[in-house]
């Protein structure tokens, strides 16, 4: 039976000023929502997914959408997603961020006289002219032929039009603060020459955030990428904006992983915090006691209080991730001999 991975993360306690909302005058606001009758701050799933992709980039994993720090923009390795295009025979080159996080590329059919299509045809004609001038066996001839091949494919695709898309195998919830927002604001001043905008304020929230994720390795083109996804989640540091001025550690203080054949996660937003700041999981313990969740499906790690419901804390975050990856490996690949 197909296995599914669900995870619940709670971050370290800190003064958060990330994932900003719209400014109100000179006040930089936090995103907020009404949660269980009170105002809580929140961090978007999109910000978490962006941070996962950036983690892979910094870890040296080939990603399709690479962030250029100097230019503050993304650069593509394959903006046509040729590895996923059926018109291209489903080429073999795919990237981890496309596989895990998904993508969508919708293009209308081009027509004779459209600027993009005409430009590509002109480029192809020019390259074909250069090919005729080259000597056989030259390195430049090989490069030109490869460029011509790619352009013919792009002209073919542009002429047909298509919607190339892939739903991400990784689903991420919005992160929500464990404690309500009390409205704290810090006031700051820009250096240099003063003006009426030199003074500014920033909403801050001293809290932890919890969020969850779900993933089915059978949905991946390369099932082994589930291990890189686990590494990214337990290794996230900075998520959201404003980090140049306010560092907030988004790495897990506690984790709960569930490796199961159940279609439903049943652990989303299961962390609670008491008046002394302790983290516990009473809602999840109730589900284990009522047998909605099997205790042996859970791997718990980090700073969390667990009552005697058959749930064991494996140790730290990295130890829990290591145990999870070994359990997944056995189910996907079989025991080692």
C-alpha atoms as a PDB file:
ATOM      1  CA  UNK A   1       0.000   0.000   0.000  1.00  0.00           C
ATOM      2  CA  UNK A   2       1.164   3.556  -0.765  1.00  0.00           C
ATOM      3  CA  UNK A   3       2.859   5.274   2.158  1.00  0.00           C
ATOM      4  CA  UNK A   4       2.417   8.926   3.085  1.00  0.00           C
ATOM      5  CA  UNK A   5       4.597  11.203   5.175  1.00  0.00           C
ATOM      6  CA  UNK A   6       3.023  13.847   7.410  1.00  0.00           C
ATOM      7  CA  UNK A   7       4.949  16.198   9.622  1.00  0.00           C
ATOM      8  CA  UNK A   8       4.234  18.804  12.286  1.00  0.00           C
ATOM      9  CA  UNK A   9       6.863  21.402  13.150  1.00  0.00           C
ATOM     10  CA  UNK A  10       7.129  23.943  15.958  1.00  0.00           C
ATOM     11  CA  UNK A  11       9.867  26.555  15.675  1.00  0.00           C
ATOM     12  CA  UNK A  12      12.132  28.024  18.318  1.00  0.00           C
ATOM     13  CA  UNK A  13      10.865  30.832  20.532  1.00  0.00           C
ATOM     14  CA  UNK A  14      11.948  34.269  19.384  1.00  0.00           C
ATOM     15  CA  UNK A  15      10.933  37.821  18.459  1.00  0.00           C
ATOM     16  CA  UNK A  16       9.429  37.429  14.989  1.00  0.00           C
ATOM     17  CA  UNK A  17       9.175  40.304  12.533  1.00  0.00           C
ATOM     18  CA  UNK A  18       9.049  38.252   9.349  1.00  0.00           C
ATOM     19  CA  UNK A  19       6.483  37.631   6.578  1.00  0.00           C
ATOM     20  CA  UNK A  20       5.239  41.196   6.522  1.00  0.00           C
ATOM     21  CA  UNK A  21       1.769  42.454   5.725  1.00  0.00           C
ATOM     22  CA  UNK A  22       0.935  45.814   4.152  1.00  0.00           C
ATOM     23  CA  UNK A  23       2.514  48.862   5.779  1.00  0.00           C
ATOM     24  CA  UNK A  24       0.295  51.149   7.821  1.00  0.00           C
ATOM     25  CA  UNK A  25       1.972  54.549   7.580  1.00  0.00           C
ATOM     26  CA  UNK A  26       5.501  54.036   8.876  1.00  0.00           C
ATOM     27  CA  UNK A  27       4.583  50.806  10.658  1.00  0.00           C
ATOM     28  CA  UNK A  28       5.725  47.518   9.107  1.00  0.00           C
ATOM     29  CA  UNK A  29       2.984  45.038  10.007  1.00  0.00           C
ATOM     30  CA  UNK A  30       2.879  41.291  10.422  1.00  0.00           C
ATOM     31  CA  UNK A  31       0.401  39.050   8.626  1.00  0.00           C
ATOM     32  CA  UNK A  32      -2.419  38.053  10.981  1.00  0.00           C
ATOM     33  CA  UNK A  33      -5.536  35.912  11.156  1.00  0.00           C
ATOM     34  CA  UNK A  34      -8.304  35.114  13.612  1.00  0.00           C
ATOM     35  CA  UNK A  35      -7.460  31.735  15.165  1.00  0.00           C
ATOM     36  CA  UNK A  36      -9.645  30.139  17.837  1.00  0.00           C
ATOM     37  CA  UNK A  37     -11.236  33.486  18.562  1.00  0.00           C
ATOM     38  CA  UNK A  38      -7.997  35.474  18.977  1.00  0.00           C
ATOM     39  CA  UNK A  39      -5.567  37.341  16.715  1.00  0.00           C
ATOM     40  CA  UNK A  40      -2.483  35.318  15.836  1.00  0.00           C
ATOM     41  CA  UNK A  41       0.400  36.150  13.515  1.00  0.00           C
ATOM     42  CA  UNK A  42       1.084  33.884  10.570  1.00  0.00           C
ATOM     43  CA  UNK A  43       3.712  32.996   7.975  1.00  0.00           C
ATOM     44  CA  UNK A  44       2.587  31.956   4.510  1.00  0.00           C
ATOM     45  CA  UNK A  45       3.123  28.505   3.022  1.00  0.00           C
ATOM     46  CA  UNK A  46       4.644  30.243  -0.005  1.00  0.00           C
ATOM     47  CA  UNK A  47       7.383  31.759   2.189  1.00  0.00           C
ATOM     48  CA  UNK A  48       8.165  28.330   3.675  1.00  0.00           C
ATOM     49  CA  UNK A  49       8.299  26.720   0.222  1.00  0.00           C
ATOM     50  CA  UNK A  50      10.606  29.502  -1.018  1.00  0.00           C
ATOM     51  CA  UNK A  51      12.921  28.856   1.931  1.00  0.00           C
ATOM     52  CA  UNK A  52      12.981  25.118   1.162  1.00  0.00           C
ATOM     53  CA  UNK A  53      14.056  25.808  -2.424  1.00  0.00           C
ATOM     54  CA  UNK A  54      16.726  28.245  -1.202  1.00  0.00           C
ATOM     55  CA  UNK A  55      17.982  25.638   1.286  1.00  0.00           C
ATOM     56  CA  UNK A  56      18.543  23.205  -1.584  1.00  0.00           C
ATOM     57  CA  UNK A  57      20.354  25.888  -3.555  1.00  0.00           C
ATOM     58  CA  UNK A  58      22.688  26.663  -0.636  1.00  0.00           C
ATOM     59  CA  UNK A  59      23.220  22.937  -0.052  1.00  0.00           C
ATOM     60  CA  UNK A  60      24.462  22.553  -3.629  1.00  0.00           C
ATOM     61  CA  UNK A  61      21.422  20.732  -5.039  1.00  0.00           C
ATOM     62  CA  UNK A  62      20.718  21.577  -8.712  1.00  0.00           C
ATOM     63  CA  UNK A  63      17.527  23.672  -8.730  1.00  0.00           C
ATOM     64  CA  UNK A  64      15.692  24.999 -11.760  1.00  0.00           C
ATOM     65  CA  UNK A  65      14.799  28.349 -10.201  1.00  0.00           C
ATOM     66  CA  UNK A  66      17.965  29.774  -8.656  1.00  0.00           C
ATOM     67  CA  UNK A  67      17.948  32.920  -6.518  1.00  0.00           C
ATOM     68  CA  UNK A  68      20.527  35.539  -7.515  1.00  0.00           C
ATOM     69  CA  UNK A  69      21.426  37.484  -4.361  1.00  0.00           C
ATOM     70  CA  UNK A  70      23.199  40.288  -6.236  1.00  0.00           C
ATOM     71  CA  UNK A  71      20.296  41.013  -8.589  1.00  0.00           C
ATOM     72  CA  UNK A  72      17.482  39.998  -6.173  1.00  0.00           C
ATOM     73  CA  UNK A  73      15.746  37.891  -8.807  1.00  0.00           C
ATOM     74  CA  UNK A  74      15.342  34.303  -9.946  1.00  0.00           C
ATOM     75  CA  UNK A  75      17.316  32.798 -12.801  1.00  0.00           C
ATOM     76  CA  UNK A  76      16.089  29.721 -14.667  1.00  0.00           C
ATOM     77  CA  UNK A  77      18.136  26.758 -15.805  1.00  0.00           C
ATOM     78  CA  UNK A  78      15.274  25.392 -17.915  1.00  0.00           C
ATOM     79  CA  UNK A  79      12.422  27.858 -18.357  1.00  0.00           C
ATOM     80  CA  UNK A  80      10.658  25.440 -20.747  1.00  0.00           C
ATOM     81  CA  UNK A  81      10.652  22.493 -18.299  1.00  0.00           C
ATOM     82  CA  UNK A  82      11.788  20.261 -21.158  1.00  0.00           C
ATOM     83  CA  UNK A  83      12.262  17.304 -18.829  1.00  0.00           C
ATOM     84  CA  UNK A  84       8.512  17.275 -18.186  1.00  0.00           C
ATOM     85  CA  UNK A  85       7.253  18.121 -21.677  1.00  0.00           C
ATOM     86  CA  UNK A  86       5.517  15.268 -23.517  1.00  0.00           C
ATOM     87  CA  UNK A  87       6.212  17.088 -26.804  1.00  0.00           C
ATOM     88  CA  UNK A  88       9.874  16.631 -25.983  1.00  0.00           C
ATOM     89  CA  UNK A  89       9.519  12.935 -25.289  1.00  0.00           C
ATOM     90  CA  UNK A  90       9.648  13.530 -21.521  1.00  0.00           C
ATOM     91  CA  UNK A  91      13.358  14.286 -21.421  1.00  0.00           C
ATOM     92  CA  UNK A  92      15.315  12.909 -18.484  1.00  0.00           C
ATOM     93  CA  UNK A  93      16.582  16.182 -16.958  1.00  0.00           C
ATOM     94  CA  UNK A  94      14.369  17.293 -14.063  1.00  0.00           C
ATOM     95  CA  UNK A  95      15.143  19.372 -10.992  1.00  0.00           C
ATOM     96  CA  UNK A  96      14.303  18.749  -7.351  1.00  0.00           C
ATOM     97  CA  UNK A  97      12.338  21.983  -6.884  1.00  0.00           C
ATOM     98  CA  UNK A  98      10.107  21.238  -9.899  1.00  0.00           C
ATOM     99  CA  UNK A  99       9.591  17.647  -8.743  1.00  0.00           C
ATOM    100  CA  UNK A 100       8.814  18.411  -5.087  1.00  0.00           C
ATOM    101  CA  UNK A 101       7.235  21.881  -5.264  1.00  0.00           C
ATOM    102  CA  UNK A 102       5.583  21.746  -8.696  1.00  0.00           C
ATOM    103  CA  UNK A 103       5.218  24.387 -11.400  1.00  0.00           C
ATOM    104  CA  UNK A 104       2.867  25.732 -14.055  1.00  0.00           C
ATOM    105  CA  UNK A 105       3.692  27.110 -17.492  1.00  0.00           C
ATOM    106  CA  UNK A 106       0.675  28.130 -19.588  1.00  0.00           C
ATOM    107  CA  UNK A 107       1.398  29.359 -23.106  1.00  0.00           C
ATOM    108  CA  UNK A 108      -1.065  30.209 -25.826  1.00  0.00           C
ATOM    109  CA  UNK A 109      -0.497  28.904 -29.340  1.00  0.00           C
ATOM    110  CA  UNK A 110       1.701  31.216 -31.404  1.00  0.00           C
ATOM    111  CA  UNK A 111       0.789  32.248 -34.932  1.00  0.00           C
ATOM    112  CA  UNK A 112       2.685  33.447 -37.978  1.00  0.00           C
ATOM    113  CA  UNK A 113       3.481  37.094 -37.428  1.00  0.00           C
ATOM    114  CA  UNK A 114       3.656  36.922 -33.629  1.00  0.00           C
ATOM    115  CA  UNK A 115       6.841  38.596 -32.393  1.00  0.00           C
ATOM    116  CA  UNK A 116       8.040  35.680 -30.254  1.00  0.00           C
ATOM    117  CA  UNK A 117       7.504  33.031 -32.928  1.00  0.00           C
ATOM    118  CA  UNK A 118       9.001  35.177 -35.687  1.00  0.00           C
ATOM    119  CA  UNK A 119      12.049  35.972 -33.540  1.00  0.00           C
ATOM    120  CA  UNK A 120      12.691  32.280 -32.903  1.00  0.00           C
ATOM    121  CA  UNK A 121      12.391  31.460 -36.608  1.00  0.00           C
ATOM    122  CA  UNK A 122      14.794  34.262 -37.476  1.00  0.00           C
ATOM    123  CA  UNK A 123      17.290  32.986 -34.899  1.00  0.00           C
ATOM    124  CA  UNK A 124      16.997  29.464 -36.269  1.00  0.00           C
ATOM    125  CA  UNK A 125      17.570  30.634 -39.851  1.00  0.00           C
ATOM    126  CA  UNK A 126      20.665  32.538 -38.743  1.00  0.00           C
ATOM    127  CA  UNK A 127      22.088  29.558 -36.841  1.00  0.00           C
ATOM    128  CA  UNK A 128      21.395  27.203 -39.758  1.00  0.00           C
ATOM    129  CA  UNK A 129      23.358  29.603 -41.963  1.00  0.00           C
ATOM    130  CA  UNK A 130      26.278  29.464 -39.535  1.00  0.00           C
ATOM    131  CA  UNK A 131      26.127  25.658 -39.452  1.00  0.00           C
ATOM    132  CA  UNK A 132      26.602  25.525 -43.238  1.00  0.00           C
ATOM    133  CA  UNK A 133      29.812  27.547 -42.887  1.00  0.00           C
ATOM    134  CA  UNK A 134      31.368  25.371 -40.172  1.00  0.00           C
ATOM    135  CA  UNK A 135      33.885  22.596 -40.762  1.00  0.00           C
ATOM    136  CA  UNK A 136      32.863  19.059 -39.859  1.00  0.00           C
ATOM    137  CA  UNK A 137      33.925  17.939 -36.398  1.00  0.00           C
ATOM    138  CA  UNK A 138      34.473  21.426 -34.982  1.00  0.00           C
ATOM    139  CA  UNK A 139      33.355  22.149 -31.416  1.00  0.00           C
ATOM    140  CA  UNK A 140      31.432  25.192 -32.609  1.00  0.00           C
ATOM    141  CA  UNK A 141      29.433  23.036 -35.037  1.00  0.00           C
ATOM    142  CA  UNK A 142      28.296  20.810 -32.209  1.00  0.00           C
ATOM    143  CA  UNK A 143      27.195  23.838 -30.152  1.00  0.00           C
ATOM    144  CA  UNK A 144      25.311  25.381 -33.076  1.00  0.00           C
ATOM    145  CA  UNK A 145      23.492  22.134 -33.833  1.00  0.00           C
ATOM    146  CA  UNK A 146      22.405  21.887 -30.193  1.00  0.00           C
ATOM    147  CA  UNK A 147      21.118  25.485 -30.296  1.00  0.00           C
ATOM    148  CA  UNK A 148      19.238  24.760 -33.526  1.00  0.00           C
ATOM    149  CA  UNK A 149      17.677  21.641 -31.993  1.00  0.00           C
ATOM    150  CA  UNK A 150      16.463  23.590 -28.971  1.00  0.00           C
ATOM    151  CA  UNK A 151      15.050  26.375 -31.126  1.00  0.00           C
ATOM    152  CA  UNK A 152      13.142  23.900 -33.334  1.00  0.00           C
ATOM    153  CA  UNK A 153      11.607  22.434 -30.193  1.00  0.00           C
ATOM    154  CA  UNK A 154      10.634  25.889 -28.904  1.00  0.00           C
ATOM    155  CA  UNK A 155       9.098  26.797 -32.283  1.00  0.00           C
ATOM    156  CA  UNK A 156       7.148  23.539 -32.253  1.00  0.00           C
ATOM    157  CA  UNK A 157       5.846  24.201 -28.744  1.00  0.00           C
ATOM    158  CA  UNK A 158       5.085  27.882 -29.441  1.00  0.00           C
ATOM    159  CA  UNK A 159       3.146  26.936 -32.560  1.00  0.00           C
ATOM    160  CA  UNK A 160       0.958  24.434 -30.718  1.00  0.00           C
ATOM    161  CA  UNK A 161       0.486  26.181 -27.390  1.00  0.00           C
ATOM    162  CA  UNK A 162       0.147  24.183 -24.186  1.00  0.00           C
ATOM    163  CA  UNK A 163      -0.368  24.259 -20.461  1.00  0.00           C
ATOM    164  CA  UNK A 164       2.499  22.409 -18.825  1.00  0.00           C
ATOM    165  CA  UNK A 165       1.951  21.964 -15.108  1.00  0.00           C
ATOM    166  CA  UNK A 166       2.823  19.709 -12.227  1.00  0.00           C
ATOM    167  CA  UNK A 167       1.196  19.693  -8.830  1.00  0.00           C
ATOM    168  CA  UNK A 168       3.806  19.739  -6.119  1.00  0.00           C
ATOM    169  CA  UNK A 169       4.305  16.504  -4.211  1.00  0.00           C
ATOM    170  CA  UNK A 170       4.928  18.553  -1.047  1.00  0.00           C
ATOM    171  CA  UNK A 171       1.980  20.312   0.571  1.00  0.00           C
ATOM    172  CA  UNK A 172       2.630  22.877   3.315  1.00  0.00           C
ATOM    173  CA  UNK A 173       0.179  24.571   5.667  1.00  0.00           C
ATOM    174  CA  UNK A 174       0.319  28.197   6.751  1.00  0.00           C
ATOM    175  CA  UNK A 175       2.394  28.636   9.924  1.00  0.00           C
ATOM    176  CA  UNK A 176       0.432  30.049  12.877  1.00  0.00           C
ATOM    177  CA  UNK A 177       1.806  31.473  16.119  1.00  0.00           C
ATOM    178  CA  UNK A 178       1.343  29.341  19.226  1.00  0.00           C
ATOM    179  CA  UNK A 179       0.352  32.406  21.248  1.00  0.00           C
ATOM    180  CA  UNK A 180      -1.988  35.341  20.405  1.00  0.00           C
ATOM    181  CA  UNK A 181      -0.529  38.632  19.188  1.00  0.00           C
ATOM    182  CA  UNK A 182      -0.568  41.391  21.828  1.00  0.00           C
ATOM    183  CA  UNK A 183       0.256  44.268  19.447  1.00  0.00           C
ATOM    184  CA  UNK A 184       3.921  44.889  20.315  1.00  0.00           C
ATOM    185  CA  UNK A 185       5.736  47.488  18.165  1.00  0.00           C
ATOM    186  CA  UNK A 186       9.382  48.530  18.179  1.00  0.00           C
ATOM    187  CA  UNK A 187      10.379  52.020  16.998  1.00  0.00           C
ATOM    188  CA  UNK A 188      13.533  52.643  15.020  1.00  0.00           C
ATOM    189  CA  UNK A 189      15.304  55.444  13.131  1.00  0.00           C
ATOM    190  CA  UNK A 190      17.167  55.373   9.849  1.00  0.00           C
ATOM    191  CA  UNK A 191      20.742  56.625   9.875  1.00  0.00           C
ATOM    192  CA  UNK A 192      21.970  59.545   7.820  1.00  0.00           C
ATOM    193  CA  UNK A 193      20.003  62.658   6.871  1.00  0.00           C
ATOM    194  CA  UNK A 194      16.660  62.797   8.645  1.00  0.00           C
ATOM    195  CA  UNK A 195      13.263  63.290   7.041  1.00  0.00           C
ATOM    196  CA  UNK A 196       9.649  62.715   8.011  1.00  0.00           C
ATOM    197  CA  UNK A 197      10.084  59.029   7.088  1.00  0.00           C
ATOM    198  CA  UNK A 198      13.255  58.503   9.142  1.00  0.00           C
ATOM    199  CA  UNK A 199      11.288  57.177  12.095  1.00  0.00           C
ATOM    200  CA  UNK A 200       9.567  53.863  11.510  1.00  0.00           C
ATOM    201  CA  UNK A 201       7.967  51.134  13.569  1.00  0.00           C
ATOM    202  CA  UNK A 202       7.899  47.360  13.251  1.00  0.00           C
ATOM    203  CA  UNK A 203       5.353  44.941  14.656  1.00  0.00           C
ATOM    204  CA  UNK A 204       7.083  42.113  16.526  1.00  0.00           C
ATOM    205  CA  UNK A 205       5.720  38.972  18.112  1.00  0.00           C
ATOM    206  CA  UNK A 206       7.581  36.944  20.738  1.00  0.00           C
ATOM    207  CA  UNK A 207       6.305  33.461  19.939  1.00  0.00           C
ATOM    208  CA  UNK A 208       6.813  30.089  18.304  1.00  0.00           C
ATOM    209  CA  UNK A 209       5.131  29.049  15.034  1.00  0.00           C
ATOM    210  CA  UNK A 210       3.698  25.686  14.115  1.00  0.00           C
ATOM    211  CA  UNK A 211       3.040  24.367  10.627  1.00  0.00           C
ATOM    212  CA  UNK A 212       2.583  21.011   8.949  1.00  0.00           C
ATOM    213  CA  UNK A 213       3.417  19.302   5.684  1.00  0.00           C
ATOM    214  CA  UNK A 214       2.335  16.245   3.705  1.00  0.00           C
ATOM    215  CA  UNK A 215       4.149  14.259   1.039  1.00  0.00           C
ATOM    216  CA  UNK A 216       3.709  10.992  -0.865  1.00  0.00           C
ATOM    217  CA  UNK A 217       6.988   9.698  -2.333  1.00  0.00           C
ATOM    218  CA  UNK A 218       5.086   7.747  -5.008  1.00  0.00           C
ATOM    219  CA  UNK A 219       4.182  11.137  -6.502  1.00  0.00           C
ATOM    220  CA  UNK A 220       7.830  12.014  -7.089  1.00  0.00           C
ATOM    221  CA  UNK A 221       9.685  11.348 -10.318  1.00  0.00           C
ATOM    222  CA  UNK A 222      12.683  10.540  -8.108  1.00  0.00           C
ATOM    223  CA  UNK A 223      11.501   8.995  -4.817  1.00  0.00           C
ATOM    224  CA  UNK A 224      14.893   9.622  -3.240  1.00  0.00           C
ATOM    225  CA  UNK A 225      14.107  13.332  -3.164  1.00  0.00           C
ATOM    226  CA  UNK A 226      11.966  12.737  -0.092  1.00  0.00           C
ATOM    227  CA  UNK A 227      15.205  12.514   1.944  1.00  0.00           C
ATOM    228  CA  UNK A 228      16.377  15.899   0.656  1.00  0.00           C
ATOM    229  CA  UNK A 229      12.966  17.340   1.548  1.00  0.00           C
ATOM    230  CA  UNK A 230      13.248  16.070   5.122  1.00  0.00           C
ATOM    231  CA  UNK A 231      16.740  17.579   5.381  1.00  0.00           C
ATOM    232  CA  UNK A 232      15.418  20.942   4.148  1.00  0.00           C
ATOM    233  CA  UNK A 233      12.533  21.022   6.612  1.00  0.00           C
ATOM    234  CA  UNK A 234      14.664  20.218   9.660  1.00  0.00           C
ATOM    235  CA  UNK A 235      17.372  22.617   8.456  1.00  0.00           C
ATOM    236  CA  UNK A 236      15.327  25.737   7.654  1.00  0.00           C
ATOM    237  CA  UNK A 237      16.730  28.878   9.222  1.00  0.00           C
ATOM    238  CA  UNK A 238      15.270  32.075   7.777  1.00  0.00           C
ATOM    239  CA  UNK A 239      11.723  32.207   6.423  1.00  0.00           C
ATOM    240  CA  UNK A 240       9.865  35.332   5.337  1.00  0.00           C
ATOM    241  CA  UNK A 241      10.979  38.925   4.873  1.00  0.00           C
ATOM    242  CA  UNK A 242      12.717  41.497   7.070  1.00  0.00           C
ATOM    243  CA  UNK A 243      15.514  39.059   7.924  1.00  0.00           C
ATOM    244  CA  UNK A 244      18.226  41.591   7.146  1.00  0.00           C
ATOM    245  CA  UNK A 245      17.142  43.441  10.289  1.00  0.00           C
ATOM    246  CA  UNK A 246      15.488  40.748  12.410  1.00  0.00           C
ATOM    247  CA  UNK A 247      16.881  37.215  12.588  1.00  0.00           C
ATOM    248  CA  UNK A 248      14.267  34.620  13.558  1.00  0.00           C
ATOM    249  CA  UNK A 249      15.261  30.953  13.767  1.00  0.00           C
ATOM    250  CA  UNK A 250      12.633  28.974  11.857  1.00  0.00           C
ATOM    251  CA  UNK A 251      14.325  25.633  12.428  1.00  0.00           C
ATOM    252  CA  UNK A 252      12.324  23.083  14.465  1.00  0.00           C
ATOM    253  CA  UNK A 253      12.416  23.025  18.254  1.00  0.00           C
ATOM    254  CA  UNK A 254      10.175  19.972  18.155  1.00  0.00           C
ATOM    255  CA  UNK A 255       8.918  17.692  15.363  1.00  0.00           C
ATOM    256  CA  UNK A 256       6.335  14.987  14.915  1.00  0.00           C
ATOM    257  CA  UNK A 257       6.596  12.764  11.842  1.00  0.00           C
ATOM    258  CA  UNK A 258       3.930  10.272  10.821  1.00  0.00           C
ATOM    259  CA  UNK A 259       4.797   7.587   8.240  1.00  0.00           C
ATOM    260  CA  UNK A 260       1.575   5.789   7.415  1.00  0.00           C
ATOM    261  CA  UNK A 261      -0.778   4.382   4.780  1.00  0.00           C
ATOM    262  CA  UNK A 262      -3.571   6.599   6.146  1.00  0.00           C
ATOM    263  CA  UNK A 263      -4.822   9.195   3.640  1.00  0.00           C
ATOM    264  CA  UNK A 264      -5.533  11.755   6.407  1.00  0.00           C
ATOM    265  CA  UNK A 265      -2.750  13.532   8.380  1.00  0.00           C
ATOM    266  CA  UNK A 266      -4.674  13.769  11.724  1.00  0.00           C
ATOM    267  CA  UNK A 267      -1.810  15.730  13.346  1.00  0.00           C
ATOM    268  CA  UNK A 268      -2.181  19.230  11.848  1.00  0.00           C
ATOM    269  CA  UNK A 269      -1.733  22.054  14.399  1.00  0.00           C
ATOM    270  CA  UNK A 270      -1.423  19.543  17.245  1.00  0.00           C
ATOM    271  CA  UNK A 271       1.107  21.444  19.373  1.00  0.00           C
ATOM    272  CA  UNK A 272       0.027  23.388  22.480  1.00  0.00           C
ATOM    273  CA  UNK A 273       1.964  25.729  24.770  1.00  0.00           C
ATOM    274  CA  UNK A 274       1.297  26.090  28.487  1.00  0.00           C
ATOM    275  CA  UNK A 275       1.629  29.205  30.649  1.00  0.00           C
ATOM    276  CA  UNK A 276       5.260  28.349  31.465  1.00  0.00           C
ATOM    277  CA  UNK A 277       6.175  28.015  27.775  1.00  0.00           C
ATOM    278  CA  UNK A 278       6.289  24.209  27.711  1.00  0.00           C
ATOM    279  CA  UNK A 279       5.280  22.436  24.492  1.00  0.00           C
ATOM    280  CA  UNK A 280       2.946  19.439  24.571  1.00  0.00           C
ATOM    281  CA  UNK A 281       0.732  17.447  22.175  1.00  0.00           C
ATOM    282  CA  UNK A 282      -2.506  16.590  24.052  1.00  0.00           C
ATOM    283  CA  UNK A 283      -4.680  16.495  20.907  1.00  0.00           C
ATOM    284  CA  UNK A 284      -2.389  13.973  19.239  1.00  0.00           C
ATOM    285  CA  UNK A 285      -2.158  11.890  22.407  1.00  0.00           C
ATOM    286  CA  UNK A 286      -5.973  11.712  22.489  1.00  0.00           C
ATOM    287  CA  UNK A 287      -5.993  10.382  18.916  1.00  0.00           C
ATOM    288  CA  UNK A 288      -3.412   7.747  19.819  1.00  0.00           C
ATOM    289  CA  UNK A 289      -5.446   6.715  22.873  1.00  0.00           C
ATOM    290  CA  UNK A 290      -8.617   6.472  20.760  1.00  0.00           C
ATOM    291  CA  UNK A 291      -6.657   4.458  18.141  1.00  0.00           C
ATOM    292  CA  UNK A 292      -7.222   6.972  15.344  1.00  0.00           C
ATOM    293  CA  UNK A 293      -3.411   7.093  15.105  1.00  0.00           C
ATOM    294  CA  UNK A 294      -1.100   4.149  15.757  1.00  0.00           C
ATOM    295  CA  UNK A 295       1.675   5.140  18.160  1.00  0.00           C
ATOM    296  CA  UNK A 296       4.289   3.204  16.159  1.00  0.00           C
ATOM    297  CA  UNK A 297       3.577   5.418  13.133  1.00  0.00           C
ATOM    298  CA  UNK A 298       4.903   8.460  15.003  1.00  0.00           C
ATOM    299  CA  UNK A 299       8.468   9.673  15.360  1.00  0.00           C
ATOM    300  CA  UNK A 300       8.804  12.525  17.858  1.00  0.00           C
ATOM    301  CA  UNK A 301      11.906  14.606  18.446  1.00  0.00           C
ATOM    302  CA  UNK A 302      13.008  17.737  20.254  1.00  0.00           C
ATOM    303  CA  UNK A 303      11.788  19.730  23.218  1.00  0.00           C
ATOM    304  CA  UNK A 304       8.249  18.397  23.762  1.00  0.00           C
ATOM    305  CA  UNK A 305       6.402  16.962  26.762  1.00  0.00           C
ATOM    306  CA  UNK A 306       4.732  13.625  26.033  1.00  0.00           C
ATOM    307  CA  UNK A 307       2.405  11.789  28.426  1.00  0.00           C
ATOM    308  CA  UNK A 308       2.379   7.990  28.568  1.00  0.00           C
ATOM    309  CA  UNK A 309       0.251   7.228  25.502  1.00  0.00           C
ATOM    310  CA  UNK A 310       2.744   4.861  23.905  1.00  0.00           C
ATOM    311  CA  UNK A 311       4.482   7.771  22.165  1.00  0.00           C
ATOM    312  CA  UNK A 312       8.249   7.905  22.539  1.00  0.00           C
ATOM    313  CA  UNK A 313      10.568  10.875  22.017  1.00  0.00           C
ATOM    314  CA  UNK A 314      13.444   9.692  19.825  1.00  0.00           C
ATOM    315  CA  UNK A 315      15.874  12.405  20.963  1.00  0.00           C
ATOM    316  CA  UNK A 316      16.787  15.593  19.149  1.00  0.00           C
ATOM    317  CA  UNK A 317      15.531  16.891  15.809  1.00  0.00           C
ATOM    318  CA  UNK A 318      18.338  15.432  13.718  1.00  0.00           C
ATOM    319  CA  UNK A 319      18.059  12.081  15.451  1.00  0.00           C
ATOM    320  CA  UNK A 320      14.329  11.950  14.740  1.00  0.00           C
ATOM    321  CA  UNK A 321      14.945  12.847  11.076  1.00  0.00           C
ATOM    322  CA  UNK A 322      17.596  10.130  10.811  1.00  0.00           C
ATOM    323  CA  UNK A 323      15.217   7.551  12.281  1.00  0.00           C
ATOM    324  CA  UNK A 324      12.453   8.653   9.894  1.00  0.00           C
ATOM    325  CA  UNK A 325      14.689   8.410   6.815  1.00  0.00           C
ATOM    326  CA  UNK A 326      15.777   4.902   7.783  1.00  0.00           C
ATOM    327  CA  UNK A 327      12.158   3.812   8.227  1.00  0.00           C
ATOM    328  CA  UNK A 328      11.254   5.264   4.828  1.00  0.00           C
ATOM    329  CA  UNK A 329      14.293   3.682   3.194  1.00  0.00           C
ATOM    330  CA  UNK A 330      13.337   0.215   4.434  1.00  0.00           C
ATOM    331  CA  UNK A 331       9.788   0.568   3.073  1.00  0.00           C
ATOM    332  CA  UNK A 332      10.914   1.998  -0.273  1.00  0.00           C
ATOM    333  CA  UNK A 333      14.047  -0.020  -0.871  1.00  0.00           C
ATOM    334  CA  UNK A 334      13.847  -3.039   1.461  1.00  0.00           C
ATOM    335  CA  UNK A 335      16.168  -4.034   4.328  1.00  0.00           C
ATOM    336  CA  UNK A 336      19.940  -3.940   3.791  1.00  0.00           C
ATOM    337  CA  UNK A 337      21.754  -7.256   3.551  1.00  0.00           C
END
